[in-house]
Protein backbone atom coordinates (compact mmCIF):
# COMPACT_ATOMS: atom_id res chain seq x y z
CA MET A 1 20.96 3.85 17.38
CA THR A 2 18.81 0.72 17.49
CA ARG A 3 18.44 -1.34 14.40
CA PRO A 4 14.85 -1.26 13.15
CA HIS A 5 13.15 -4.62 12.76
CA VAL A 6 12.02 -5.10 9.17
CA ASP A 7 9.68 -8.05 8.66
CA GLU A 8 8.63 -9.60 5.34
CA GLY A 9 5.53 -7.41 5.12
CA GLN A 10 7.67 -4.29 5.49
CA GLN A 11 10.10 -5.66 2.91
CA GLN A 12 7.23 -6.12 0.46
CA ALA A 13 5.88 -2.63 1.20
CA ALA A 14 9.33 -1.08 0.75
CA LEU A 15 9.81 -2.85 -2.54
CA ARG A 16 6.34 -1.94 -3.89
CA THR A 17 6.68 1.69 -2.83
CA GLY A 18 10.17 2.02 -4.26
CA ALA A 19 9.27 0.29 -7.52
CA ARG A 20 6.11 2.37 -7.98
CA VAL A 21 7.86 5.70 -7.39
CA LEU A 22 10.82 4.76 -9.58
CA GLN A 23 8.54 3.62 -12.43
CA GLU A 24 6.33 6.72 -12.19
CA GLN A 25 9.08 9.31 -11.91
CA TYR A 26 11.86 7.70 -13.97
CA PRO A 27 10.17 5.43 -16.54
CA HIS A 28 13.03 5.54 -19.07
CA HIS A 29 16.01 5.27 -16.73
CA THR A 30 18.05 2.11 -16.27
CA GLN A 31 19.86 3.29 -13.12
CA VAL A 32 18.54 5.79 -10.58
CA ALA A 33 18.32 6.17 -6.79
CA ILE A 34 15.69 8.04 -4.78
CA SER A 35 15.11 8.78 -1.12
CA LEU A 36 11.74 7.93 0.41
CA HIS A 37 9.89 7.18 3.66
CA ILE A 38 8.39 3.73 3.92
CA GLY A 39 5.71 2.21 6.13
CA PRO A 40 4.00 3.28 9.33
CA ASN A 41 7.39 3.77 11.04
CA HIS A 42 8.45 6.07 8.18
CA LEU A 43 11.75 4.32 7.62
CA ASN A 44 14.06 6.68 5.77
CA ALA A 45 15.24 4.54 2.87
CA ILE A 46 16.87 4.67 -0.53
CA ALA A 47 15.35 2.75 -3.43
CA MET A 48 17.71 2.05 -6.31
CA LEU A 49 16.86 0.79 -9.76
CA LYS A 50 19.71 -1.19 -11.26
CA TRP A 51 19.98 -2.89 -14.59
CA PRO A 52 18.34 -5.33 -15.49
CA GLY A 53 15.27 -4.04 -13.69
CA VAL A 54 16.26 -4.88 -10.12
CA VAL A 55 14.99 -2.63 -7.33
CA ARG A 56 17.12 -2.67 -4.16
CA VAL A 57 16.05 -0.87 -0.96
CA THR A 58 18.44 0.13 1.84
CA LEU A 59 18.15 2.27 4.95
CA LYS A 60 19.46 5.75 4.22
CA HIS A 61 21.51 6.39 7.35
CA THR A 62 22.99 2.94 7.90
CA GLY A 63 23.06 1.43 4.44
CA GLU A 64 21.35 -1.66 5.89
CA PHE A 65 19.84 -3.80 3.14
CA ILE A 66 16.04 -4.17 3.38
CA ALA A 67 14.84 -5.86 0.18
CA GLN A 68 15.62 -6.67 -3.43
CA SER A 69 13.36 -7.56 -6.34
CA LEU A 70 13.62 -10.29 -8.89
CA PRO A 71 15.25 -9.14 -12.17
CA GLY A 72 12.64 -7.59 -14.46
CA ARG A 73 9.95 -7.92 -11.75
CA PRO A 74 10.48 -4.79 -9.63
CA GLU A 75 7.58 -5.37 -7.24
CA GLU A 76 8.32 -9.04 -6.49
CA LEU A 77 10.56 -9.79 -3.51
CA ASP A 78 13.58 -11.97 -4.26
CA ALA A 79 13.41 -14.40 -1.35
CA THR A 80 16.80 -15.88 -2.24
CA VAL A 81 18.52 -12.62 -1.26
CA ALA A 82 18.67 -12.48 2.53
CA ALA A 83 18.05 -9.17 4.25
């Protein structure tokens, strides 16, 4: 299986999609994980909300880390966390 290339634009899209779905479907949860398809390549990913308001996105089948948000800012990419 080839490793998909995930650029910064795809990281941002993954984070925004994951954060939006988590906020819409689980507005009162502090920890939850959901499965979703992201981007034009339909990457099968898992978006996790962890306390204190950090969204982390990984590929479902490999567990490869894609993106993480800043604490309390679920749609903003944390550039200090390398993917």
